[in-house]
Every structure is written in structure tokens, then in C-alpha cells.
């Protein structure tokens, strides 16, 4: 039976170790002139301007990820009223007010993400735990639901340290256990997180991420 999972980006599920999981976010800012849509569950990068943006390449790019976008707050340029949205549509904000973005940025935060392809078997999937991988796509999503369509690219799974995701397990889910199909829920954390003690990758701009 095919898995019920579709693409949904990165969803927070816990933290590494036995620490308390507050699922808390940190407030960052999106530049008022940013026309890039940023979807809930999208990985985001820090910019040298002090703002954040969605990653600049489908597979993640070369700038360390600051975290995972979960929503934003801004004042509508049409109504003058405050708007809460689970995604940044790329326009519609009054430039006289800040666009506040809320990001899961704990380097030890764990997430679940769907695989973009078959993992062949449970044994093969288990063999990928502790390996790294890139996104199959990380820049797209739905303007209707506001949800990211990011998935993990099975073909990129390797020990390469520069890959964006570290696979740390497989989520138990009876409706998504067909390893011969896409949609296996993999537990991951962000590799080389910008906020980690060894996050040596500097803040950049979208043009440095492979676009």
C-alpha cells in the first residue's frame, strides 16, 4: 500500500537528548522588499543584511541554515490590519512596519520530513540512519495551504558532511511504512546549523546559495 504522506517540508517533533522540548521559536525579520515566498516548513538562511530568506537553491545551497520557518506577522498594506500567516507570500506588507518571522532555530531541534522516493526496504532505510542528505526541493510550496513541499532526496544520502540534513531515525507511522514508495517519514536535524557552536558557514545572500 502506498504511503499517505505527501510533501510537507520539515515539521518539528522534538530535540536531541532528554532536554525539555518547548517547541519554541525565535523571532527574526524578513525584509519588506523580499518577494520570495517562504512557506511553513521551509529551511531558511541568515542574510548579511540581518534578515532571513528562504534557501536559494532547491537542494539547500551552501549557506548554513538558521532554522525552519513556521509563520509570520505583518501589517497589511491594503487593510492596515495586522496579519498572521503560516507563510510569507512575497508581498502585501506595509513597509512602515516590520515583517516578523518565527523560526525553529535550536540546532538540536529534530524534524520529520518525507522521503521523495523509495527506500527499497526497512533494512535499507535503517542503514541510512546517521547518514546525511540534501533536499530534493526546498524552495517550493503551496500558496493555498502555505505549506512547504520540501522533501528529502534519497539519491543524495551519503556521509558527506556538507549535506544539509542528518538522518537520525525513522518515525513510526503505520500509514507510512511502505518502503518501496515515497513518503517514508525520516527523523532529521539540520546539519551545520548556523546557530550551532561549530556553525562556521557565514551569513550570505541568496546569490551565494547556488541560484
N, C-alpha and C. Protein backbone atom coordinates (compact mmCIF):
# COMPACT_ATOMS: atom_id res chain seq x y z
N UNK A 1 0.84 -1.19 0.00
CA UNK A 1 0.00 0.00 0.00
C UNK A 1 0.88 1.24 0.00
N UNK A 2 0.59 2.19 -0.86
CA UNK A 2 1.38 3.42 -0.93
C UNK A 2 1.23 4.23 0.36
N UNK A 3 2.22 5.02 0.66
CA UNK A 3 2.19 5.85 1.86
C UNK A 3 1.21 7.01 1.68
N UNK A 4 0.62 7.45 2.79
CA UNK A 4 -0.33 8.57 2.74
C UNK A 4 0.39 9.91 2.79
N UNK A 5 1.65 9.90 3.19
CA UNK A 5 2.40 11.16 3.27
C UNK A 5 2.56 11.82 1.91
N UNK A 6 2.31 13.11 1.88
CA UNK A 6 2.72 13.92 0.75
C UNK A 6 3.93 14.73 1.18
N UNK A 7 4.25 15.77 0.43
CA UNK A 7 5.36 16.65 0.80
C UNK A 7 4.85 17.71 1.77
N UNK A 8 5.55 17.91 2.87
CA UNK A 8 5.10 18.89 3.86
C UNK A 8 6.25 19.67 4.47
N UNK A 9 7.43 19.55 3.92
CA UNK A 9 8.56 20.28 4.47
C UNK A 9 9.08 19.63 5.74
N UNK A 10 9.60 20.46 6.63
CA UNK A 10 10.15 20.00 7.91
C UNK A 10 9.16 20.33 9.02
N UNK A 11 8.78 19.31 9.80
CA UNK A 11 7.88 19.52 10.94
C UNK A 11 8.64 19.22 12.22
N UNK A 12 8.62 20.13 13.20
CA UNK A 12 9.34 19.88 14.46
C UNK A 12 8.70 18.75 15.25
N UNK A 13 9.53 17.87 15.80
CA UNK A 13 9.00 16.76 16.59
C UNK A 13 9.64 16.63 17.96
N UNK A 14 10.81 17.20 18.17
CA UNK A 14 11.48 17.06 19.46
C UNK A 14 12.85 17.69 19.45
N UNK A 15 13.65 17.31 20.44
CA UNK A 15 15.04 17.75 20.49
C UNK A 15 15.92 16.55 20.77
N UNK A 16 17.18 16.65 20.36
CA UNK A 16 18.13 15.57 20.63
C UNK A 16 18.36 15.47 22.13
N UNK A 17 18.44 14.24 22.64
CA UNK A 17 18.69 14.03 24.06
C UNK A 17 17.43 14.09 24.89
N UNK A 18 17.61 14.27 26.18
CA UNK A 18 16.47 14.25 27.11
C UNK A 18 16.06 15.63 27.58
N UNK A 19 16.53 16.68 26.90
CA UNK A 19 16.16 18.03 27.29
C UNK A 19 14.69 18.31 27.03
N UNK A 20 14.17 19.31 27.72
CA UNK A 20 12.76 19.67 27.54
C UNK A 20 12.54 20.22 26.13
N UNK A 21 11.49 19.74 25.49
CA UNK A 21 11.15 20.22 24.15
C UNK A 21 10.06 21.26 24.25
N UNK A 22 10.44 22.51 24.20
CA UNK A 22 9.46 23.59 24.31
C UNK A 22 8.83 23.92 22.97
N UNK A 23 9.39 23.36 21.88
CA UNK A 23 8.99 23.68 20.50
C UNK A 23 8.89 25.20 20.31
N UNK A 24 9.79 25.91 20.98
CA UNK A 24 9.79 27.36 20.89
C UNK A 24 10.45 27.87 19.62
N UNK A 25 10.03 29.04 19.18
CA UNK A 25 10.61 29.67 18.01
C UNK A 25 11.28 30.99 18.41
N UNK A 26 12.14 31.48 17.54
CA UNK A 26 12.77 32.78 17.73
C UNK A 26 12.27 33.74 16.67
N UNK A 27 12.09 34.99 17.05
CA UNK A 27 11.63 35.99 16.09
C UNK A 27 12.81 36.54 15.28
N UNK A 28 12.66 36.51 13.97
CA UNK A 28 13.61 37.13 13.04
C UNK A 28 12.83 38.11 12.18
N UNK A 29 13.50 38.75 11.24
CA UNK A 29 12.82 39.70 10.38
C UNK A 29 13.02 39.35 8.91
N UNK A 30 11.98 39.61 8.13
CA UNK A 30 12.02 39.48 6.67
C UNK A 30 12.03 40.89 6.10
N UNK A 31 12.91 41.16 5.15
CA UNK A 31 12.98 42.49 4.54
C UNK A 31 11.67 42.80 3.82
N UNK A 32 11.21 44.03 3.93
CA UNK A 32 9.93 44.40 3.33
C UNK A 32 9.93 44.26 1.82
N UNK A 33 11.10 44.33 1.20
CA UNK A 33 11.17 44.19 -0.26
C UNK A 33 11.41 42.77 -0.73
N UNK A 34 11.38 41.80 0.20
CA UNK A 34 11.63 40.40 -0.17
C UNK A 34 10.42 39.83 -0.90
N UNK A 35 10.60 39.50 -2.17
CA UNK A 35 9.49 38.96 -2.97
C UNK A 35 9.50 37.44 -3.04
N UNK A 36 10.41 36.80 -2.32
CA UNK A 36 10.45 35.33 -2.31
C UNK A 36 9.42 34.78 -1.33
N UNK A 37 8.55 33.91 -1.79
CA UNK A 37 7.61 33.26 -0.88
C UNK A 37 8.38 32.33 0.05
N UNK A 38 8.01 32.34 1.33
CA UNK A 38 8.63 31.46 2.33
C UNK A 38 7.51 30.66 2.98
N UNK A 39 7.56 29.36 2.82
CA UNK A 39 6.46 28.50 3.25
C UNK A 39 6.70 27.89 4.63
N UNK A 40 5.62 27.56 5.31
CA UNK A 40 5.75 26.89 6.61
C UNK A 40 6.44 25.55 6.40
N UNK A 41 7.52 25.33 7.14
CA UNK A 41 8.30 24.11 6.99
C UNK A 41 9.48 24.25 6.06
N UNK A 42 9.70 25.49 5.55
CA UNK A 42 10.84 25.74 4.66
C UNK A 42 12.10 26.03 5.46
N UNK A 43 13.25 25.52 5.02
CA UNK A 43 14.52 25.91 5.64
C UNK A 43 14.85 27.34 5.23
N UNK A 44 15.38 28.11 6.17
CA UNK A 44 15.72 29.50 5.89
C UNK A 44 17.17 29.78 6.25
N UNK A 45 17.73 30.80 5.59
CA UNK A 45 19.13 31.17 5.79
C UNK A 45 19.24 32.58 6.35
N UNK A 46 20.35 32.87 7.05
CA UNK A 46 20.59 34.23 7.51
C UNK A 46 21.26 35.03 6.40
N UNK A 47 20.85 36.26 6.24
CA UNK A 47 21.45 37.14 5.24
C UNK A 47 22.43 38.11 5.89
N UNK A 48 23.39 38.57 5.14
CA UNK A 48 24.38 39.52 5.66
C UNK A 48 23.75 40.88 5.98
N UNK A 49 22.51 41.08 5.56
CA UNK A 49 21.78 42.32 5.85
C UNK A 49 21.07 42.28 7.20
N UNK A 50 21.10 41.12 7.87
CA UNK A 50 20.42 40.99 9.16
C UNK A 50 19.02 40.42 9.06
N UNK A 51 18.59 40.09 7.85
CA UNK A 51 17.28 39.48 7.64
C UNK A 51 17.45 37.99 7.33
N UNK A 52 16.32 37.29 7.20
CA UNK A 52 16.35 35.89 6.77
C UNK A 52 15.66 35.77 5.42
N UNK A 53 15.90 34.65 4.75
CA UNK A 53 15.25 34.38 3.47
C UNK A 53 15.17 32.87 3.29
N UNK A 54 14.34 32.44 2.38
CA UNK A 54 14.28 31.02 2.04
C UNK A 54 15.60 30.63 1.38
N UNK A 55 15.98 29.38 1.48
CA UNK A 55 17.22 28.94 0.85
C UNK A 55 17.18 29.26 -0.64
N UNK A 56 18.36 29.49 -1.23
CA UNK A 56 18.40 29.95 -2.61
C UNK A 56 18.55 28.86 -3.64
N UNK A 57 18.69 27.61 -3.22
CA UNK A 57 18.80 26.50 -4.16
C UNK A 57 17.90 25.37 -3.71
N UNK A 58 17.34 24.65 -4.66
CA UNK A 58 16.39 23.59 -4.33
C UNK A 58 16.98 22.57 -3.37
N UNK A 59 18.27 22.23 -3.55
CA UNK A 59 18.90 21.22 -2.70
C UNK A 59 19.42 21.80 -1.39
N UNK A 60 19.31 23.09 -1.21
CA UNK A 60 19.72 23.69 0.05
C UNK A 60 20.78 24.75 -0.06
N UNK A 61 21.67 24.65 -1.05
CA UNK A 61 22.69 25.67 -1.22
C UNK A 61 23.87 25.49 -0.27
N UNK A 62 24.69 26.53 -0.15
CA UNK A 62 25.92 26.43 0.61
C UNK A 62 25.95 27.29 1.87
N UNK A 63 24.92 28.06 2.13
CA UNK A 63 24.85 28.88 3.33
C UNK A 63 24.21 28.06 4.46
N UNK A 64 24.81 28.12 5.65
CA UNK A 64 24.27 27.36 6.78
C UNK A 64 22.84 27.76 7.09
N UNK A 65 22.00 26.81 7.41
CA UNK A 65 20.58 27.07 7.70
C UNK A 65 20.43 27.63 9.10
N UNK A 66 19.66 28.72 9.23
CA UNK A 66 19.41 29.26 10.56
C UNK A 66 18.27 28.52 11.24
N UNK A 67 17.42 27.87 10.47
CA UNK A 67 16.33 27.12 11.05
C UNK A 67 15.21 26.86 10.06
N UNK A 68 14.02 26.60 10.61
CA UNK A 68 12.85 26.25 9.80
C UNK A 68 11.74 27.26 10.07
N UNK A 69 11.27 27.88 9.01
CA UNK A 69 10.23 28.91 9.08
C UNK A 69 8.89 28.30 9.48
N UNK A 70 8.17 28.98 10.39
CA UNK A 70 6.89 28.43 10.82
C UNK A 70 5.72 29.40 10.67
N UNK A 71 6.02 30.66 10.37
CA UNK A 71 4.93 31.62 10.19
C UNK A 71 5.45 33.03 10.34
N UNK A 72 4.57 34.01 10.07
CA UNK A 72 5.00 35.40 10.16
C UNK A 72 3.83 36.30 10.53
N UNK A 73 4.19 37.52 10.92
CA UNK A 73 3.21 38.53 11.32
C UNK A 73 3.60 39.84 10.64
N UNK A 74 2.64 40.50 10.03
CA UNK A 74 2.93 41.77 9.37
C UNK A 74 1.64 42.60 9.28
N UNK A 75 1.80 43.87 8.95
CA UNK A 75 0.65 44.75 8.77
C UNK A 75 0.32 44.81 7.28
N UNK A 76 -0.92 44.55 6.95
CA UNK A 76 -1.36 44.53 5.55
C UNK A 76 -1.28 45.92 4.94
N UNK A 77 -0.72 45.99 3.74
CA UNK A 77 -0.65 47.26 3.02
C UNK A 77 -2.02 47.66 2.47
N UNK A 78 -2.96 46.74 2.45
CA UNK A 78 -4.30 47.01 1.92
C UNK A 78 -5.28 47.45 3.00
N UNK A 79 -5.29 46.70 4.09
CA UNK A 79 -6.27 46.97 5.15
C UNK A 79 -5.70 47.75 6.33
N UNK A 80 -4.36 47.75 6.47
CA UNK A 80 -3.74 48.40 7.61
C UNK A 80 -3.87 47.59 8.89
N UNK A 81 -4.37 46.35 8.76
CA UNK A 81 -4.54 45.50 9.94
C UNK A 81 -3.42 44.47 10.02
N UNK A 82 -3.19 44.01 11.26
CA UNK A 82 -2.16 43.00 11.46
C UNK A 82 -2.62 41.66 10.91
N UNK A 83 -1.69 40.99 10.24
CA UNK A 83 -1.98 39.68 9.62
C UNK A 83 -1.06 38.63 10.23
N UNK A 84 -1.62 37.50 10.61
CA UNK A 84 -0.82 36.34 10.98
C UNK A 84 -0.97 35.33 9.86
N UNK A 85 0.15 34.83 9.33
CA UNK A 85 0.10 33.89 8.23
C UNK A 85 1.12 32.78 8.46
N UNK A 86 0.77 31.56 8.03
CA UNK A 86 1.73 30.47 8.16
C UNK A 86 2.76 30.48 7.04
N UNK A 87 2.66 31.45 6.11
CA UNK A 87 3.72 31.62 5.12
C UNK A 87 3.81 33.07 4.70
N UNK A 88 5.00 33.45 4.20
CA UNK A 88 5.19 34.80 3.68
C UNK A 88 4.93 34.75 2.19
N UNK A 89 3.90 35.43 1.69
CA UNK A 89 3.53 35.32 0.27
C UNK A 89 4.44 36.08 -0.69
N UNK A 90 5.34 36.91 -0.16
CA UNK A 90 6.24 37.66 -1.03
C UNK A 90 5.79 39.07 -1.32
N UNK A 91 4.65 39.47 -0.78
CA UNK A 91 4.13 40.83 -0.96
C UNK A 91 2.96 41.03 -0.01
N UNK A 92 2.49 42.29 0.05
CA UNK A 92 1.28 42.57 0.82
C UNK A 92 1.51 43.23 2.16
N UNK A 93 2.79 43.51 2.51
CA UNK A 93 3.06 44.11 3.80
C UNK A 93 3.27 45.60 3.68
N UNK A 94 2.82 46.33 4.69
CA UNK A 94 3.07 47.76 4.79
C UNK A 94 4.53 47.95 5.19
N UNK A 95 5.31 48.61 4.35
CA UNK A 95 6.74 48.76 4.58
C UNK A 95 7.09 49.61 5.79
N UNK A 96 6.10 50.26 6.37
CA UNK A 96 6.34 51.07 7.56
C UNK A 96 6.37 50.23 8.83
N UNK A 97 6.06 48.95 8.70
CA UNK A 97 6.03 48.06 9.85
C UNK A 97 6.89 46.83 9.57
N UNK A 98 7.47 46.24 10.61
CA UNK A 98 8.34 45.08 10.40
C UNK A 98 7.56 43.83 10.02
N UNK A 99 8.21 42.94 9.27
CA UNK A 99 7.67 41.61 9.00
C UNK A 99 8.38 40.67 9.95
N UNK A 100 7.65 40.18 10.94
CA UNK A 100 8.22 39.33 11.97
C UNK A 100 8.07 37.86 11.57
N UNK A 101 9.18 37.17 11.51
CA UNK A 101 9.18 35.75 11.14
C UNK A 101 9.50 34.91 12.36
N UNK A 102 8.85 33.77 12.48
CA UNK A 102 9.07 32.87 13.61
C UNK A 102 9.70 31.58 13.10
N UNK A 103 10.87 31.27 13.68
CA UNK A 103 11.73 30.22 13.14
C UNK A 103 12.13 29.24 14.24
N UNK A 104 12.02 27.95 13.94
CA UNK A 104 12.59 26.92 14.81
C UNK A 104 14.08 26.89 14.55
N UNK A 105 14.88 27.45 15.49
CA UNK A 105 16.29 27.64 15.23
C UNK A 105 17.23 26.95 16.22
N UNK A 106 16.68 26.12 17.09
CA UNK A 106 17.52 25.35 18.01
C UNK A 106 18.33 24.33 17.21
N UNK A 107 19.67 24.37 17.27
CA UNK A 107 20.48 23.42 16.49
C UNK A 107 20.18 21.96 16.82
N UNK A 108 19.62 21.71 18.02
CA UNK A 108 19.31 20.34 18.42
C UNK A 108 17.85 19.97 18.17
N UNK A 109 17.09 20.87 17.53
CA UNK A 109 15.70 20.56 17.19
C UNK A 109 15.67 19.42 16.18
N UNK A 110 14.77 18.49 16.36
CA UNK A 110 14.59 17.41 15.39
C UNK A 110 13.30 17.63 14.62
N UNK A 111 13.31 17.15 13.39
CA UNK A 111 12.18 17.34 12.48
C UNK A 111 11.85 16.02 11.79
N UNK A 112 10.66 15.95 11.25
CA UNK A 112 10.30 14.84 10.36
C UNK A 112 10.12 15.42 8.97
N UNK A 113 10.60 14.69 7.98
CA UNK A 113 10.48 15.09 6.58
C UNK A 113 10.22 13.83 5.76
N UNK A 114 9.42 13.95 4.71
CA UNK A 114 9.10 12.80 3.87
C UNK A 114 10.20 12.54 2.85
N UNK A 115 10.45 11.27 2.58
CA UNK A 115 11.40 10.92 1.52
C UNK A 115 10.74 11.17 0.17
N UNK A 116 11.54 11.53 -0.82
CA UNK A 116 10.98 11.84 -2.15
C UNK A 116 10.89 10.61 -3.04
N UNK A 117 11.41 9.48 -2.55
CA UNK A 117 11.44 8.28 -3.38
C UNK A 117 11.49 7.04 -2.49
N UNK A 118 11.48 5.90 -3.12
CA UNK A 118 11.54 4.63 -2.41
C UNK A 118 12.86 4.49 -1.65
N UNK A 119 12.77 3.83 -0.48
CA UNK A 119 13.97 3.47 0.28
C UNK A 119 14.22 1.97 0.20
N UNK A 120 13.50 1.31 -0.69
CA UNK A 120 13.65 -0.12 -1.03
C UNK A 120 13.10 -1.06 0.03
N UNK A 121 13.62 -0.96 1.25
CA UNK A 121 13.18 -1.86 2.32
C UNK A 121 13.47 -1.21 3.66
N UNK A 122 12.88 -1.76 4.71
CA UNK A 122 13.13 -1.21 6.04
C UNK A 122 14.60 -1.35 6.42
N UNK A 123 15.19 -2.48 6.04
CA UNK A 123 16.61 -2.70 6.35
C UNK A 123 17.50 -1.68 5.66
N UNK A 124 17.18 -1.37 4.40
CA UNK A 124 17.96 -0.38 3.66
C UNK A 124 17.78 1.00 4.29
N UNK A 125 16.53 1.33 4.65
CA UNK A 125 16.27 2.62 5.29
C UNK A 125 17.02 2.72 6.61
N UNK A 126 17.02 1.64 7.40
CA UNK A 126 17.72 1.64 8.68
C UNK A 126 19.21 1.86 8.48
N UNK A 127 19.73 1.36 7.38
CA UNK A 127 21.14 1.54 7.08
C UNK A 127 21.52 2.98 6.75
N UNK A 128 20.51 3.81 6.47
CA UNK A 128 20.77 5.22 6.17
C UNK A 128 20.78 6.11 7.42
N UNK A 129 20.35 5.56 8.56
CA UNK A 129 20.36 6.33 9.79
C UNK A 129 21.81 6.68 10.13
N UNK A 130 22.05 7.92 10.49
CA UNK A 130 23.35 8.54 10.79
C UNK A 130 24.07 9.01 9.53
N UNK A 131 23.44 8.87 8.37
CA UNK A 131 24.00 9.44 7.14
C UNK A 131 23.44 10.85 6.95
N UNK A 132 23.92 11.53 5.94
CA UNK A 132 23.47 12.88 5.63
C UNK A 132 22.73 12.89 4.29
N UNK A 133 22.01 13.97 4.03
CA UNK A 133 21.27 14.08 2.76
C UNK A 133 20.96 15.53 2.48
N UNK A 134 20.61 15.82 1.24
CA UNK A 134 20.13 17.14 0.84
C UNK A 134 18.62 17.09 0.59
N UNK A 135 18.05 18.24 0.36
CA UNK A 135 16.64 18.32 -0.02
C UNK A 135 16.49 17.96 -1.49
N UNK A 136 15.35 17.35 -1.83
CA UNK A 136 15.00 17.17 -3.24
C UNK A 136 14.52 18.52 -3.76
N UNK A 137 13.77 19.20 -2.94
CA UNK A 137 13.38 20.59 -3.20
C UNK A 137 13.20 21.25 -1.86
N UNK A 138 13.57 22.51 -1.77
CA UNK A 138 13.41 23.23 -0.51
C UNK A 138 12.84 24.61 -0.71
N UNK A 139 12.56 24.98 -1.96
CA UNK A 139 12.16 26.35 -2.27
C UNK A 139 10.70 26.49 -2.68
N UNK A 140 9.99 25.39 -2.81
CA UNK A 140 8.62 25.45 -3.32
C UNK A 140 7.60 25.13 -2.22
N UNK A 141 6.33 25.44 -2.53
CA UNK A 141 5.26 25.17 -1.60
C UNK A 141 3.93 25.57 -2.18
N UNK A 142 2.88 25.52 -1.38
CA UNK A 142 1.52 25.81 -1.84
C UNK A 142 1.08 27.19 -1.39
N UNK A 143 0.64 28.01 -2.33
CA UNK A 143 0.09 29.32 -1.99
C UNK A 143 -1.31 29.18 -1.39
N UNK A 144 -1.91 28.02 -1.52
CA UNK A 144 -3.24 27.77 -0.96
C UNK A 144 -3.16 27.40 0.52
N UNK A 145 -2.30 26.43 0.85
CA UNK A 145 -2.16 25.98 2.24
C UNK A 145 -1.04 26.70 2.97
N UNK A 146 -0.08 27.25 2.22
CA UNK A 146 1.08 27.88 2.83
C UNK A 146 2.13 26.89 3.29
N UNK A 147 1.96 25.61 2.95
CA UNK A 147 2.86 24.56 3.43
C UNK A 147 3.97 24.29 2.41
N UNK A 148 5.18 24.11 2.91
CA UNK A 148 6.33 23.78 2.07
C UNK A 148 6.14 22.42 1.41
N UNK A 149 6.74 22.24 0.24
CA UNK A 149 6.73 20.93 -0.42
C UNK A 149 8.12 20.29 -0.37
N UNK A 150 8.96 20.74 0.57
CA UNK A 150 10.30 20.17 0.70
C UNK A 150 10.25 18.70 1.08
N UNK A 151 11.12 17.92 0.45
CA UNK A 151 11.29 16.51 0.77
C UNK A 151 12.78 16.19 0.82
N UNK A 152 13.11 15.04 1.37
CA UNK A 152 14.50 14.60 1.42
C UNK A 152 14.83 13.81 0.17
N UNK A 153 15.93 14.16 -0.48
CA UNK A 153 16.35 13.48 -1.72
C UNK A 153 17.09 12.19 -1.38
N UNK A 154 16.43 11.07 -1.60
CA UNK A 154 17.02 9.77 -1.29
C UNK A 154 18.32 9.56 -2.06
N UNK A 155 18.38 10.04 -3.29
CA UNK A 155 19.56 9.83 -4.13
C UNK A 155 20.81 10.52 -3.60
N UNK A 156 20.63 11.49 -2.66
CA UNK A 156 21.80 12.23 -2.15
C UNK A 156 22.34 11.66 -0.85
N UNK A 157 21.70 10.64 -0.29
CA UNK A 157 22.12 10.11 1.00
C UNK A 157 23.56 9.61 0.92
N UNK A 158 24.40 10.16 1.82
CA UNK A 158 25.83 9.84 1.83
C UNK A 158 26.42 10.29 3.16
N UNK A 159 27.72 10.07 3.32
CA UNK A 159 28.39 10.51 4.54
C UNK A 159 28.93 11.93 4.42
N UNK A 160 28.73 12.56 3.29
CA UNK A 160 29.26 13.90 3.03
C UNK A 160 28.79 14.89 4.09
N UNK A 161 29.75 15.52 4.78
CA UNK A 161 29.42 16.39 5.91
C UNK A 161 28.70 17.66 5.49
N UNK A 162 28.89 18.11 4.25
CA UNK A 162 28.30 19.37 3.81
C UNK A 162 26.82 19.27 3.47
N UNK A 163 26.26 18.07 3.42
CA UNK A 163 24.84 17.91 3.10
C UNK A 163 23.99 18.50 4.23
N UNK A 164 22.82 19.01 3.89
CA UNK A 164 22.05 19.85 4.81
C UNK A 164 21.36 19.12 5.95
N UNK A 165 21.05 17.84 5.79
CA UNK A 165 20.27 17.12 6.79
C UNK A 165 21.05 15.92 7.34
N UNK A 166 20.92 15.68 8.63
CA UNK A 166 21.46 14.48 9.27
C UNK A 166 20.29 13.58 9.62
N UNK A 167 20.26 12.38 9.08
CA UNK A 167 19.19 11.42 9.37
C UNK A 167 19.48 10.78 10.72
N UNK A 168 18.53 10.87 11.65
CA UNK A 168 18.76 10.32 12.98
C UNK A 168 17.76 9.21 13.34
N UNK A 169 16.81 8.94 12.45
CA UNK A 169 15.87 7.87 12.74
C UNK A 169 14.73 7.83 11.74
N UNK A 170 13.79 6.93 12.01
CA UNK A 170 12.61 6.76 11.17
C UNK A 170 11.39 6.84 12.08
N UNK A 171 10.46 7.71 11.76
CA UNK A 171 9.27 7.86 12.60
C UNK A 171 8.34 6.66 12.42
N UNK A 172 7.87 6.14 13.52
CA UNK A 172 6.93 5.02 13.46
C UNK A 172 5.56 5.56 13.07
N UNK A 173 5.04 5.09 11.96
CA UNK A 173 3.77 5.57 11.44
C UNK A 173 3.14 4.46 10.61
N UNK A 174 2.11 3.77 11.12
CA UNK A 174 1.51 2.65 10.41
C UNK A 174 1.02 2.97 9.01
N UNK A 175 0.67 4.25 8.75
CA UNK A 175 0.15 4.62 7.44
C UNK A 175 1.25 5.00 6.44
N UNK A 176 2.48 4.97 6.93
CA UNK A 176 3.60 5.37 6.06
C UNK A 176 4.78 4.43 6.27
N UNK A 177 4.54 3.14 6.01
CA UNK A 177 5.56 2.12 6.21
C UNK A 177 5.86 1.33 4.94
N UNK A 178 5.41 1.83 3.81
CA UNK A 178 5.72 1.16 2.55
C UNK A 178 7.05 1.68 2.03
N UNK A 179 8.11 0.94 2.32
CA UNK A 179 9.46 1.39 1.98
C UNK A 179 9.74 1.33 0.48
N UNK A 180 8.85 0.75 -0.28
CA UNK A 180 9.03 0.71 -1.73
C UNK A 180 8.45 1.94 -2.41
N UNK A 181 7.89 2.85 -1.61
CA UNK A 181 7.27 4.06 -2.16
C UNK A 181 7.82 5.30 -1.49
N UNK A 182 7.58 6.44 -2.10
CA UNK A 182 7.96 7.72 -1.49
C UNK A 182 7.10 7.99 -0.27
N UNK A 183 7.55 8.88 0.59
CA UNK A 183 6.74 9.29 1.72
C UNK A 183 7.11 8.67 3.05
N UNK A 184 8.26 8.02 3.14
CA UNK A 184 8.70 7.48 4.42
C UNK A 184 9.08 8.66 5.32
N UNK A 185 8.54 8.73 6.56
CA UNK A 185 8.84 9.85 7.45
C UNK A 185 10.18 9.66 8.15
N UNK A 186 11.17 10.45 7.75
CA UNK A 186 12.50 10.34 8.31
C UNK A 186 12.72 11.42 9.36
N UNK A 187 13.33 11.05 10.46
CA UNK A 187 13.66 12.00 11.51
C UNK A 187 15.04 12.58 11.21
N UNK A 188 15.14 13.89 11.23
CA UNK A 188 16.38 14.57 10.87
C UNK A 188 16.64 15.75 11.80
N UNK A 189 17.86 16.23 11.77
CA UNK A 189 18.17 17.54 12.32
C UNK A 189 18.99 18.28 11.28
N UNK A 190 19.09 19.60 11.43
CA UNK A 190 19.82 20.39 10.46
C UNK A 190 21.32 20.19 10.65
N UNK A 191 22.01 19.83 9.58
CA UNK A 191 23.45 19.65 9.62
C UNK A 191 24.11 21.02 9.48
N UNK A 192 25.22 21.23 10.17
CA UNK A 192 25.94 22.51 10.06
C UNK A 192 25.03 23.71 10.32
N UNK A 193 24.19 23.60 11.33
CA UNK A 193 23.27 24.69 11.67
C UNK A 193 24.05 25.97 11.93
N UNK A 194 23.55 27.08 11.43
CA UNK A 194 24.21 28.36 11.62
C UNK A 194 24.36 28.72 13.09
N UNK A 195 23.40 28.26 13.93
CA UNK A 195 23.43 28.60 15.35
C UNK A 195 24.19 27.60 16.21
N UNK A 196 24.73 26.54 15.61
CA UNK A 196 25.49 25.57 16.38
C UNK A 196 26.86 26.13 16.74
N UNK A 197 27.51 25.62 17.79
CA UNK A 197 28.82 26.13 18.19
C UNK A 197 29.87 26.07 17.08
N UNK A 198 29.73 25.09 16.17
CA UNK A 198 30.69 24.97 15.07
C UNK A 198 30.10 25.44 13.75
N UNK A 199 29.06 26.28 13.84
CA UNK A 199 28.43 26.77 12.61
C UNK A 199 29.29 27.82 11.93
N UNK A 200 30.28 27.35 11.21
CA UNK A 200 31.29 28.26 10.64
C UNK A 200 30.86 28.89 9.32
N UNK A 201 29.76 28.41 8.74
CA UNK A 201 29.32 28.97 7.47
C UNK A 201 28.72 30.34 7.72
N UNK A 202 29.23 31.35 7.03
CA UNK A 202 28.83 32.73 7.30
C UNK A 202 27.47 33.06 6.70
N UNK A 203 26.85 34.08 7.26
CA UNK A 203 25.60 34.59 6.68
C UNK A 203 25.90 35.08 5.27
N UNK A 204 24.93 34.86 4.39
CA UNK A 204 25.16 35.21 2.99
C UNK A 204 23.97 35.90 2.39
N UNK A 205 23.88 35.83 1.10
CA UNK A 205 22.75 36.38 0.37
C UNK A 205 22.24 35.27 -0.54
N UNK A 206 21.01 35.39 -1.07
CA UNK A 206 20.51 34.33 -1.94
C UNK A 206 21.43 33.99 -3.10
N UNK A 207 22.19 34.96 -3.58
CA UNK A 207 23.05 34.69 -4.73
C UNK A 207 24.21 33.78 -4.40
N UNK A 208 24.51 33.58 -3.10
CA UNK A 208 25.62 32.71 -2.72
C UNK A 208 25.19 31.27 -2.53
N UNK A 209 23.89 30.99 -2.70
CA UNK A 209 23.39 29.66 -2.40
C UNK A 209 23.13 28.82 -3.63
N UNK A 210 23.61 29.23 -4.77
CA UNK A 210 23.54 28.37 -5.93
C UNK A 210 22.47 28.71 -6.92
N UNK A 211 21.77 29.83 -6.73
CA UNK A 211 20.72 30.22 -7.69
C UNK A 211 21.36 30.69 -8.99
